[in-house]
N, C-alpha and C. Protein backbone atom coordinates (compact mmCIF):
# COMPACT_ATOMS: atom_id res chain seq x y z
N VAL A 1 -2.44 41.78 -20.28
CA VAL A 1 -1.74 41.88 -21.33
C VAL A 1 -0.79 40.75 -21.87
N ASN A 2 -0.91 40.39 -22.90
CA ASN A 2 0.23 39.62 -23.40
C ASN A 2 1.55 39.69 -22.98
N ALA A 3 2.35 38.45 -22.46
CA ALA A 3 3.76 38.77 -21.71
C ALA A 3 4.60 38.22 -22.88
N ILE A 4 4.08 37.37 -23.80
CA ILE A 4 4.81 36.71 -25.03
C ILE A 4 3.84 36.01 -25.86
N ASN A 5 4.36 36.23 -27.01
CA ASN A 5 3.68 35.67 -28.28
C ASN A 5 3.72 34.26 -28.36
N ILE A 6 2.72 33.33 -28.30
CA ILE A 6 2.61 31.94 -27.98
C ILE A 6 2.20 31.08 -29.23
N ARG A 7 3.01 30.41 -29.84
CA ARG A 7 2.75 29.55 -31.14
C ARG A 7 1.69 28.61 -30.55
N GLU A 8 0.91 27.96 -31.59
CA GLU A 8 -0.15 27.22 -31.33
C GLU A 8 0.46 25.73 -30.38
N ASP A 9 1.51 25.39 -30.80
CA ASP A 9 1.97 24.23 -30.40
C ASP A 9 2.90 24.39 -28.94
N ASP A 10 2.81 25.72 -28.40
CA ASP A 10 3.33 26.11 -27.28
C ASP A 10 2.38 26.53 -26.18
N GLU A 11 3.01 26.71 -24.93
CA GLU A 11 2.42 27.33 -23.85
C GLU A 11 3.33 28.05 -23.12
N LEU A 12 2.81 29.07 -22.31
CA LEU A 12 3.96 29.83 -21.12
C LEU A 12 3.92 28.95 -19.97
N LEU A 13 5.22 28.57 -19.65
CA LEU A 13 5.41 27.86 -18.26
C LEU A 13 5.65 28.44 -16.97
N GLU A 14 6.39 29.64 -16.87
CA GLU A 14 6.74 30.17 -16.10
C GLU A 14 7.66 31.74 -16.32
N ALA A 15 7.40 32.64 -15.36
CA ALA A 15 8.05 33.94 -15.70
C ALA A 15 8.63 34.20 -14.33
N ILE A 16 9.87 34.54 -14.39
CA ILE A 16 10.59 35.04 -13.59
C ILE A 16 11.25 36.45 -13.48
N LEU A 17 11.25 37.01 -12.26
CA LEU A 17 11.87 38.48 -12.27
C LEU A 17 13.37 38.29 -12.02
N THR A 18 14.23 39.08 -12.97
CA THR A 18 15.74 38.71 -12.92
C THR A 18 16.19 40.25 -12.75
N ASN A 19 17.43 40.30 -12.60
CA ASN A 19 18.17 41.52 -12.53
C ASN A 19 19.11 41.79 -13.64
N GLY A 20 18.99 41.05 -14.50
CA GLY A 20 20.22 41.07 -15.75
C GLY A 20 21.41 40.27 -15.73
N ASN A 21 21.70 39.94 -14.46
CA ASN A 21 22.90 39.20 -14.44
C ASN A 21 22.77 37.78 -13.91
N CYS A 22 21.67 37.06 -14.06
CA CYS A 22 21.60 35.73 -13.67
C CYS A 22 22.14 34.52 -14.73
N ASN A 23 22.39 33.68 -14.08
CA ASN A 23 22.38 32.53 -15.01
C ASN A 23 21.22 31.70 -15.16
N VAL A 24 20.89 31.21 -16.32
CA VAL A 24 19.30 30.70 -16.52
C VAL A 24 19.66 29.10 -16.74
N MET A 25 18.63 28.28 -16.12
CA MET A 25 18.86 26.86 -16.31
C MET A 25 17.25 26.45 -16.51
N ILE A 26 17.47 25.74 -18.06
CA ILE A 26 16.07 25.29 -18.51
C ILE A 26 16.29 23.86 -18.52
N ALA A 27 14.97 22.86 -18.06
CA ALA A 27 15.18 21.55 -17.90
C ALA A 27 14.03 20.99 -18.85
N ALA A 28 14.41 19.77 -19.31
CA ALA A 28 13.33 18.96 -19.93
C ALA A 28 12.91 17.83 -19.23
N ASN A 29 11.58 17.22 -19.81
CA ASN A 29 11.41 16.06 -18.98
C ASN A 29 12.30 14.96 -19.47
N GLY A 30 13.03 15.13 -20.54
CA GLY A 30 14.05 13.78 -20.74
C GLY A 30 15.10 13.79 -19.95
N GLY A 31 15.31 14.69 -18.99
CA GLY A 31 16.60 14.76 -17.84
C GLY A 31 17.44 15.73 -18.14
N ARG A 32 17.66 16.45 -19.21
CA ARG A 32 18.39 17.30 -19.65
C ARG A 32 18.33 18.68 -19.27
N CYS A 33 19.27 19.39 -19.06
CA CYS A 33 19.32 20.98 -18.43
C CYS A 33 20.46 21.50 -19.17
N VAL A 34 20.19 22.84 -19.75
CA VAL A 34 20.99 24.03 -20.49
C VAL A 34 21.19 24.92 -19.20
N ARG A 35 22.47 25.43 -19.11
CA ARG A 35 22.56 26.50 -18.28
C ARG A 35 23.48 27.54 -19.11
N PHE A 36 23.04 28.99 -19.20
CA PHE A 36 23.77 30.24 -19.84
C PHE A 36 23.37 31.40 -19.10
N ASP A 37 24.18 32.36 -19.72
CA ASP A 37 24.13 33.56 -19.01
C ASP A 37 22.88 34.21 -19.57
N GLU A 38 22.21 35.18 -18.73
CA GLU A 38 21.01 35.95 -18.88
C GLU A 38 21.21 36.70 -20.03
N SER A 39 22.18 37.21 -20.20
CA SER A 39 22.85 38.10 -21.18
C SER A 39 22.40 37.72 -22.69
N GLU A 40 22.43 36.35 -22.66
CA GLU A 40 22.17 35.84 -24.35
C GLU A 40 20.78 36.12 -24.38
N ALA A 41 19.82 36.14 -23.57
CA ALA A 41 18.58 36.28 -24.22
C ALA A 41 18.22 37.55 -23.81
N ARG A 42 18.44 38.13 -25.08
CA ARG A 42 18.43 39.83 -25.25
C ARG A 42 16.66 40.33 -24.95
N PRO A 43 16.93 41.51 -24.34
CA PRO A 43 15.38 41.95 -24.01
C PRO A 43 14.50 42.24 -25.16
N LEU A 44 13.23 41.68 -25.18
CA LEU A 44 12.37 41.89 -26.32
C LEU A 44 11.13 42.23 -25.82
N GLY A 45 10.23 42.88 -26.48
CA GLY A 45 8.93 43.42 -26.39
C GLY A 45 8.08 42.43 -26.16
N ARG A 46 6.92 42.79 -25.35
CA ARG A 46 6.05 41.74 -24.91
C ARG A 46 5.32 40.86 -26.08
N THR A 47 5.13 41.27 -27.32
CA THR A 47 4.50 40.64 -28.29
C THR A 47 5.47 39.94 -29.21
N SER A 48 6.68 39.55 -28.77
CA SER A 48 7.68 39.02 -29.61
C SER A 48 7.62 37.32 -29.12
N THR A 49 8.13 36.44 -29.97
CA THR A 49 7.98 35.12 -29.59
C THR A 49 9.22 34.54 -28.76
N GLY A 50 10.10 35.42 -28.61
CA GLY A 50 11.58 35.05 -27.72
C GLY A 50 12.39 34.34 -28.62
N VAL A 51 13.63 33.95 -27.91
CA VAL A 51 14.57 33.32 -28.33
C VAL A 51 14.86 31.82 -27.84
N ARG A 52 15.21 30.79 -28.69
CA ARG A 52 15.36 29.45 -27.96
C ARG A 52 16.16 29.40 -26.96
N GLY A 53 15.80 28.65 -25.78
CA GLY A 53 16.57 28.72 -24.72
C GLY A 53 17.44 27.22 -24.53
N ILE A 54 16.74 26.08 -25.19
CA ILE A 54 17.28 24.83 -25.04
C ILE A 54 16.61 23.92 -26.46
N ASN A 55 17.73 23.31 -26.81
CA ASN A 55 17.57 22.44 -27.81
C ASN A 55 16.82 21.25 -27.46
N LEU A 56 15.40 20.95 -27.76
CA LEU A 56 14.80 19.90 -27.31
C LEU A 56 15.03 18.30 -28.18
N ASP A 57 15.21 17.25 -27.31
CA ASP A 57 14.97 16.07 -28.40
C ASP A 57 13.59 16.14 -28.62
N GLU A 58 13.30 15.06 -29.86
CA GLU A 58 12.25 15.04 -30.31
C GLU A 58 11.13 14.29 -29.31
N GLY A 59 9.96 15.09 -29.22
CA GLY A 59 9.13 14.45 -28.02
C GLY A 59 9.26 15.25 -26.73
N ASP A 60 10.70 15.61 -26.29
CA ASP A 60 10.74 16.36 -24.86
C ASP A 60 10.24 17.57 -24.91
N PHE A 61 9.93 18.11 -23.66
CA PHE A 61 9.20 19.46 -23.42
C PHE A 61 10.03 19.94 -22.45
N VAL A 62 9.74 21.28 -22.03
CA VAL A 62 10.40 21.99 -20.99
C VAL A 62 9.58 21.68 -19.76
N ILE A 63 9.99 21.58 -18.52
CA ILE A 63 9.20 21.27 -17.45
C ILE A 63 9.56 22.42 -16.38
N GLY A 64 10.79 23.20 -16.54
CA GLY A 64 10.80 24.26 -15.51
C GLY A 64 12.13 25.01 -15.68
N VAL A 65 12.36 26.23 -14.81
CA VAL A 65 13.48 27.03 -15.16
C VAL A 65 13.69 27.43 -13.82
N VAL A 66 15.16 27.72 -13.77
CA VAL A 66 15.75 28.20 -12.57
C VAL A 66 16.54 29.45 -12.79
N CYS A 67 16.68 30.61 -12.26
CA CYS A 67 17.52 31.61 -12.26
C CYS A 67 18.14 31.98 -11.20
N GLN A 68 19.43 32.31 -11.24
CA GLN A 68 20.35 32.46 -10.04
C GLN A 68 21.37 33.32 -10.21
N ASP A 69 21.53 34.28 -9.32
CA ASP A 69 22.67 35.18 -9.68
C ASP A 69 24.05 34.74 -9.21
N PRO A 70 24.83 34.54 -9.74
CA PRO A 70 26.09 33.74 -9.30
C PRO A 70 26.95 35.02 -8.44
N ASN A 71 26.69 36.09 -8.42
CA ASN A 71 27.54 37.36 -7.73
C ASN A 71 26.61 37.63 -6.53
N ALA A 72 25.47 37.01 -6.28
CA ALA A 72 24.65 37.19 -4.89
C ALA A 72 25.45 36.94 -3.78
N GLU A 73 25.47 37.55 -2.59
CA GLU A 73 26.02 37.39 -1.47
C GLU A 73 25.72 35.94 -0.83
N ASP A 74 24.52 35.28 -1.09
CA ASP A 74 24.29 34.09 -0.76
C ASP A 74 23.89 33.17 -1.72
N ALA A 75 24.72 33.32 -2.88
CA ALA A 75 24.80 32.43 -3.97
C ALA A 75 25.35 30.90 -3.56
N SER A 76 26.06 30.85 -2.66
CA SER A 76 27.03 29.41 -2.33
C SER A 76 25.91 28.47 -1.53
N ARG A 77 24.76 29.29 -1.30
CA ARG A 77 23.76 28.57 -0.18
C ARG A 77 22.75 28.15 -1.18
N HIS A 78 22.69 28.18 -2.49
CA HIS A 78 21.56 27.86 -3.08
C HIS A 78 22.15 26.36 -4.11
N GLN A 79 21.15 25.64 -4.32
CA GLN A 79 21.36 24.20 -5.06
C GLN A 79 20.41 24.43 -6.14
N VAL A 80 20.06 23.47 -6.82
CA VAL A 80 19.32 23.18 -7.82
C VAL A 80 18.84 21.66 -7.37
N LEU A 81 17.31 21.74 -7.25
CA LEU A 81 16.71 20.56 -6.88
C LEU A 81 16.13 19.94 -8.12
N ALA A 82 16.15 18.80 -8.45
CA ALA A 82 15.61 18.10 -9.26
C ALA A 82 14.72 16.96 -8.80
N VAL A 83 13.38 16.58 -9.27
CA VAL A 83 12.64 15.65 -8.83
C VAL A 83 11.87 14.84 -10.19
N SER A 84 11.76 13.64 -10.07
CA SER A 84 11.28 12.93 -11.08
C SER A 84 9.62 12.44 -10.81
N GLU A 85 9.32 11.98 -11.84
CA GLU A 85 7.60 11.50 -11.59
C GLU A 85 7.25 10.46 -10.71
N ASN A 86 8.50 9.53 -10.44
CA ASN A 86 8.01 8.39 -9.69
C ASN A 86 8.36 8.77 -8.25
N GLY A 87 8.81 9.77 -7.78
CA GLY A 87 9.19 10.10 -6.48
C GLY A 87 10.63 10.22 -5.97
N TYR A 88 11.66 10.31 -7.47
CA TYR A 88 12.88 10.56 -7.03
C TYR A 88 13.48 11.86 -6.93
N GLY A 89 14.47 12.28 -6.14
CA GLY A 89 14.93 13.78 -6.17
C GLY A 89 16.05 13.72 -5.67
N LYS A 90 16.87 14.91 -5.94
CA LYS A 90 18.25 15.36 -5.36
C LYS A 90 18.51 16.69 -5.64
N ARG A 91 19.49 17.22 -4.86
CA ARG A 91 20.00 18.53 -4.81
C ARG A 91 21.45 18.60 -5.42
N SER A 92 21.80 19.34 -6.48
CA SER A 92 23.17 19.36 -7.12
C SER A 92 23.55 20.84 -6.82
N GLU A 93 24.89 21.08 -7.05
CA GLU A 93 25.40 22.38 -6.90
C GLU A 93 25.29 22.93 -8.19
N VAL A 94 25.17 24.27 -8.21
CA VAL A 94 25.11 24.81 -9.53
C VAL A 94 25.92 24.80 -10.45
N ASP A 95 27.25 24.70 -10.08
CA ASP A 95 28.66 24.69 -10.57
C ASP A 95 28.80 23.14 -11.27
N ASP A 96 27.99 22.39 -10.89
CA ASP A 96 27.93 21.08 -11.64
C ASP A 96 27.47 20.92 -12.85
N TYR A 97 26.76 22.06 -13.18
CA TYR A 97 26.46 22.26 -14.58
C TYR A 97 27.06 22.99 -15.42
N ARG A 98 27.81 22.61 -16.29
CA ARG A 98 28.44 23.28 -17.40
C ARG A 98 27.82 24.41 -18.18
N GLN A 99 28.20 25.67 -17.81
CA GLN A 99 27.83 26.57 -18.55
C GLN A 99 28.13 26.78 -20.20
N THR A 100 26.83 26.72 -20.85
CA THR A 100 27.04 26.52 -22.20
C THR A 100 26.36 27.83 -22.81
N SER A 101 26.06 27.67 -24.30
CA SER A 101 25.63 28.73 -24.94
C SER A 101 23.92 28.45 -24.69
N ARG A 102 23.18 29.63 -24.97
CA ARG A 102 21.80 29.48 -24.98
C ARG A 102 21.49 28.49 -26.31
N GLY A 103 20.47 27.91 -26.06
CA GLY A 103 20.17 27.08 -27.26
C GLY A 103 20.67 25.65 -27.50
N ALA A 104 21.51 25.18 -26.48
CA ALA A 104 22.47 24.15 -26.53
C ALA A 104 21.65 22.73 -25.97
N LYS A 105 21.64 21.45 -26.14
CA LYS A 105 21.11 20.46 -25.72
C LYS A 105 21.25 20.34 -24.23
N GLY A 106 22.27 21.03 -23.40
CA GLY A 106 22.31 20.81 -22.20
C GLY A 106 23.29 19.49 -21.64
N VAL A 107 23.17 19.46 -20.36
CA VAL A 107 23.68 18.13 -19.90
C VAL A 107 22.94 17.33 -18.87
N LYS A 108 23.03 16.12 -18.56
CA LYS A 108 21.95 15.43 -17.80
C LYS A 108 21.83 16.02 -16.52
N THR A 109 20.83 16.10 -16.08
CA THR A 109 20.53 16.55 -14.60
C THR A 109 20.00 15.43 -13.70
N LEU A 110 19.45 14.26 -14.33
CA LEU A 110 18.77 13.20 -13.59
C LEU A 110 19.20 12.11 -14.36
N ASN A 111 19.43 10.95 -13.92
CA ASN A 111 19.63 9.92 -14.82
C ASN A 111 18.32 9.11 -14.70
N ILE A 112 17.53 9.35 -15.83
CA ILE A 112 16.12 8.75 -15.95
C ILE A 112 16.31 7.47 -16.38
N THR A 113 15.48 6.77 -15.70
CA THR A 113 15.39 5.15 -15.95
C THR A 113 13.53 4.97 -15.92
N GLU A 114 13.42 3.58 -15.96
CA GLU A 114 12.00 3.11 -15.73
C GLU A 114 11.83 3.41 -14.46
N LYS A 115 12.74 3.04 -13.47
CA LYS A 115 12.25 3.44 -12.05
C LYS A 115 11.87 4.64 -11.49
N THR A 116 12.72 5.52 -12.29
CA THR A 116 12.45 7.08 -11.63
C THR A 116 11.30 7.76 -12.40
N GLY A 117 11.07 7.36 -13.79
CA GLY A 117 10.36 8.02 -14.57
C GLY A 117 10.98 9.50 -15.30
N ASN A 118 10.03 10.26 -15.81
CA ASN A 118 10.66 11.32 -16.54
C ASN A 118 10.92 12.48 -15.20
N LEU A 119 11.84 13.60 -15.51
CA LEU A 119 11.82 14.56 -14.72
C LEU A 119 10.67 15.21 -14.97
N VAL A 120 10.02 16.02 -13.59
CA VAL A 120 9.02 16.71 -13.43
C VAL A 120 8.99 18.12 -12.92
N ALA A 121 10.02 18.30 -12.28
CA ALA A 121 10.46 19.51 -11.75
C ALA A 121 11.71 19.72 -11.38
N ILE A 122 12.12 21.15 -11.49
CA ILE A 122 13.35 21.75 -10.84
C ILE A 122 13.32 23.04 -10.09
N LYS A 123 13.93 23.00 -9.05
CA LYS A 123 13.50 24.35 -8.17
C LYS A 123 15.00 24.76 -7.69
N ASN A 124 15.24 26.19 -7.17
CA ASN A 124 16.13 26.68 -6.48
C ASN A 124 15.98 26.58 -5.04
N VAL A 125 16.91 25.95 -4.40
CA VAL A 125 16.42 25.76 -2.85
C VAL A 125 17.76 26.12 -1.86
N THR A 126 17.50 26.14 -0.80
CA THR A 126 18.55 26.17 0.22
C THR A 126 18.24 25.38 1.30
N ASP A 127 18.97 25.31 2.35
CA ASP A 127 18.95 24.24 3.46
C ASP A 127 17.61 24.70 4.53
N GLU A 128 17.01 25.92 4.05
CA GLU A 128 16.33 26.64 4.98
C GLU A 128 14.95 26.42 4.71
N ASP A 129 14.71 25.83 3.27
CA ASP A 129 13.47 25.64 2.45
C ASP A 129 12.87 24.16 3.15
N ASP A 130 11.52 24.17 2.69
CA ASP A 130 10.95 23.16 2.94
C ASP A 130 10.22 22.53 1.42
N LEU A 131 10.09 21.49 1.07
CA LEU A 131 9.36 20.82 -0.08
C LEU A 131 8.24 20.27 -0.09
N MET A 132 7.14 20.75 -0.70
CA MET A 132 5.74 20.06 -0.69
C MET A 132 5.61 19.15 -2.05
N ILE A 133 5.29 18.17 -2.03
CA ILE A 133 5.07 16.89 -3.39
C ILE A 133 3.84 16.50 -2.92
N ILE A 134 2.95 17.26 -4.23
CA ILE A 134 1.52 17.11 -4.85
C ILE A 134 1.61 15.93 -5.89
N CYS A 135 0.81 14.65 -5.54
CA CYS A 135 0.70 13.58 -6.66
C CYS A 135 -0.62 13.64 -7.19
N ARG A 136 -0.58 13.16 -8.29
CA ARG A 136 -1.91 13.41 -9.33
C ARG A 136 -3.20 13.04 -8.56
N SER A 137 -2.90 11.83 -7.48
CA SER A 137 -4.30 11.36 -6.64
C SER A 137 -4.55 12.17 -5.65
N GLY A 138 -4.02 13.25 -5.21
CA GLY A 138 -4.22 14.20 -4.22
C GLY A 138 -3.38 14.09 -2.96
N MET A 139 -2.32 13.22 -2.93
CA MET A 139 -1.67 12.87 -1.98
C MET A 139 -0.67 14.04 -2.07
N THR A 140 -0.48 14.17 -0.65
CA THR A 140 0.54 15.52 -0.41
C THR A 140 1.35 15.26 0.68
N ILE A 141 2.90 15.47 0.80
CA ILE A 141 3.55 15.28 2.01
C ILE A 141 4.81 16.61 1.97
N ARG A 142 5.12 17.10 3.09
CA ARG A 142 6.18 18.26 3.12
C ARG A 142 7.31 17.76 3.50
N MET A 143 8.41 18.13 3.39
CA MET A 143 9.61 17.54 4.22
C MET A 143 10.50 18.76 3.94
N PRO A 144 11.71 18.84 5.05
CA PRO A 144 12.77 19.96 4.78
C PRO A 144 13.50 19.53 3.54
N VAL A 145 13.79 20.39 3.05
CA VAL A 145 14.92 20.17 2.06
C VAL A 145 16.18 19.76 2.41
N ASN A 146 16.81 19.87 3.48
CA ASN A 146 18.24 19.85 4.27
C ASN A 146 18.24 17.94 4.55
N THR A 147 17.00 17.42 4.19
CA THR A 147 16.84 15.92 4.49
C THR A 147 17.30 15.22 3.05
N ILE A 148 17.29 16.06 2.12
CA ILE A 148 17.44 15.60 0.70
C ILE A 148 19.10 15.65 0.30
N ARG A 149 19.55 14.47 0.09
CA ARG A 149 21.08 14.52 -0.10
C ARG A 149 21.64 15.22 -1.40
N VAL A 150 22.87 16.16 -1.37
CA VAL A 150 23.23 16.57 -2.18
C VAL A 150 24.07 15.42 -3.09
N ALA A 151 23.65 15.40 -4.19
CA ALA A 151 24.47 14.26 -5.12
C ALA A 151 24.68 14.88 -6.52
N GLY A 152 25.58 13.85 -7.12
CA GLY A 152 26.29 14.52 -8.35
C GLY A 152 25.08 14.62 -9.45
N ARG A 153 25.34 15.44 -10.60
CA ARG A 153 24.28 16.20 -11.52
C ARG A 153 23.64 14.74 -12.29
N ALA A 154 24.66 13.84 -12.64
CA ALA A 154 24.03 12.72 -13.30
C ALA A 154 23.47 11.73 -12.64
N THR A 155 23.33 11.43 -11.31
CA THR A 155 22.80 10.40 -10.61
C THR A 155 21.31 10.31 -10.69
N GLN A 156 20.87 9.53 -10.18
CA GLN A 156 19.24 9.37 -9.98
C GLN A 156 18.72 9.78 -8.98
N GLY A 157 19.57 10.19 -7.72
CA GLY A 157 18.99 10.59 -6.62
C GLY A 157 18.44 9.47 -5.89
N VAL A 158 17.56 10.18 -4.64
CA VAL A 158 17.12 9.23 -3.82
C VAL A 158 15.45 9.36 -3.70
N LYS A 159 14.90 8.11 -3.13
CA LYS A 159 13.38 8.18 -3.13
C LYS A 159 13.00 8.96 -2.19
N LEU A 160 12.12 10.05 -2.42
CA LEU A 160 11.54 11.13 -1.55
C LEU A 160 9.96 10.70 -1.02
N ILE A 161 9.53 10.05 -1.75
CA ILE A 161 7.89 9.63 -1.50
C ILE A 161 7.67 8.27 -1.80
N ASN A 162 6.62 7.39 -1.29
CA ASN A 162 6.51 6.31 -1.67
C ASN A 162 5.24 6.41 -2.47
N ILE A 163 4.90 6.09 -3.68
CA ILE A 163 3.91 6.66 -4.66
C ILE A 163 3.07 5.23 -4.68
N ARG A 164 1.75 5.35 -4.61
CA ARG A 164 0.84 4.24 -5.06
C ARG A 164 0.81 3.90 -6.34
N GLU A 165 0.68 2.73 -6.92
CA GLU A 165 0.82 2.01 -8.10
C GLU A 165 0.05 3.10 -9.01
N LYS A 166 0.50 3.27 -10.44
CA LYS A 166 -0.29 4.34 -11.10
C LYS A 166 -0.45 5.47 -10.74
N ASP A 167 0.04 6.25 -9.59
CA ASP A 167 0.11 7.43 -9.36
C ASP A 167 1.28 7.93 -10.01
N SER A 168 1.37 9.27 -9.58
CA SER A 168 2.92 10.02 -9.94
C SER A 168 2.61 11.34 -9.43
N ILE A 169 3.91 11.94 -9.37
CA ILE A 169 4.09 13.49 -9.08
C ILE A 169 3.50 14.37 -9.88
N ALA A 170 2.62 15.05 -9.57
CA ALA A 170 2.12 16.18 -10.48
C ALA A 170 2.71 17.58 -10.59
N ALA A 171 3.37 18.01 -9.15
CA ALA A 171 3.74 19.17 -8.97
C ALA A 171 4.41 19.23 -7.69
N ILE A 172 5.50 20.18 -7.49
CA ILE A 172 6.44 20.56 -6.35
C ILE A 172 6.31 21.93 -5.98
N SER A 173 6.67 22.35 -4.62
CA SER A 173 6.40 23.76 -4.57
C SER A 173 7.51 23.97 -3.29
N VAL A 174 8.33 24.96 -3.55
CA VAL A 174 9.30 25.21 -2.31
C VAL A 174 8.50 26.36 -1.46
N VAL A 175 8.63 25.80 -0.21
CA VAL A 175 7.87 27.05 0.77
C VAL A 175 9.11 27.25 1.93
N ALA A 176 8.81 28.07 2.83
CA ALA A 176 9.35 28.44 4.06
C ALA A 176 9.08 27.36 5.14
N HIS A 177 10.26 27.20 5.62
CA HIS A 177 10.63 25.97 6.73
C HIS A 177 9.81 26.31 7.64
N SER A 178 8.87 25.07 8.31
CA SER A 178 8.07 25.32 9.31
C SER A 178 8.18 24.10 10.15
N GLU A 179 8.96 24.42 11.45
CA GLU A 179 9.23 23.40 12.53
C GLU A 179 7.96 22.57 12.94
N GLU A 180 6.82 23.32 12.84
CA GLU A 180 5.46 22.42 13.31
C GLU A 180 5.08 21.32 12.12
N GLU A 181 5.59 21.90 11.00
CA GLU A 181 5.03 20.96 10.25
C GLU A 181 6.20 19.93 9.54
N GLU A 182 7.49 20.09 10.10
CA GLU A 182 8.41 19.30 9.98
C GLU A 182 8.14 17.96 9.64
N ASN A 183 8.53 16.98 8.42
CA ASN A 183 8.17 15.88 8.02
C ASN A 183 6.47 15.57 8.30
N GLN A 184 5.91 16.07 8.73
CA GLN A 184 4.25 15.77 8.58
C GLN A 184 3.57 15.77 7.25
N ALA A 185 3.12 14.64 6.90
CA ALA A 185 2.31 14.77 5.87
C ALA A 185 1.00 14.91 5.75
N ALA A 186 0.17 15.80 4.97
CA ALA A 186 -1.11 15.94 5.18
C ALA A 186 -1.91 14.47 4.68
N GLU A 187 -1.30 14.25 3.71
CA GLU A 187 -1.83 12.66 3.26
C GLU A 187 -0.71 12.03 2.69
N GLY A 188 -0.69 10.43 2.36
CA GLY A 188 0.50 9.92 2.03
C GLY A 188 1.60 9.26 2.65
N THR A 189 2.57 8.70 2.07
CA THR A 189 3.68 8.18 3.01
C THR A 189 4.91 8.66 2.24
N PRO A 190 5.81 9.52 3.21
CA PRO A 190 6.96 9.53 2.66
C PRO A 190 7.91 8.62 2.73
N ALA A 191 9.00 8.64 2.01
CA ALA A 191 9.91 7.21 2.12
C ALA A 191 10.61 7.03 3.61
N GLU A 192 10.86 6.10 3.97
CA GLU A 192 11.11 5.89 5.28
C GLU A 192 12.21 6.41 6.01
N GLY A 193 12.36 7.25 7.16
CA GLY A 193 13.44 7.81 7.36
C GLY A 193 13.92 8.78 6.55
N THR A 194 15.39 9.03 6.71
CA THR A 194 15.83 10.26 5.80
C THR A 194 16.17 9.58 4.43
N PRO A 195 15.92 9.91 3.24
CA PRO A 195 15.89 9.39 1.79
C PRO A 195 17.21 9.30 1.63
N THR A 196 17.57 7.79 1.32
CA THR A 196 18.83 7.43 1.09
C THR A 196 19.19 6.90 -0.56
N GLU A 197 20.32 6.89 -1.00
CA GLU A 197 20.48 6.79 -2.39
C GLU A 197 20.23 5.34 -2.67
N GLU A 198 19.55 5.26 -3.78
CA GLU A 198 19.38 3.75 -4.44
C GLU A 198 19.97 3.67 -5.82
């Protein structure tokens, strides 16, 4: 069945189950992210188009969404992970993102430069998670999330992976931590040692 009415120039990116009390964070490839209360996105039928979540700059598009319940018992354990196409990333506290109204342009979530490339993903993470990074060439690495520094919202982050020339990150996935696979790459080269600020 249809989950949403999609316009010709649009596509469904993600669907998340919520409890009605979450903060919603929507990020665009240009590095901006809006945070608003879930109650601002009123319940609608399956065949509706929905409401505007973020006001995009020309040429930008949404790359991810995070939902977190600020009243959950473990809310303080969660951070927002942002990763760029050239292998840079960081964790930031949710409260670093000013809460605004739905449909705003949002605030900077990653300092986008030629070196970092555009933002490709945001995820909800904790210290107990692992991060899988998949490049367009097929290169893949896995690392503990707790090795990624917690940094300010508007910084460019740390280098997570050494990417070959003309390659870039295609996708990331947050998985349960595994001691056996800690810091072990299926293929590819993680950045040397614990990632450091650049």
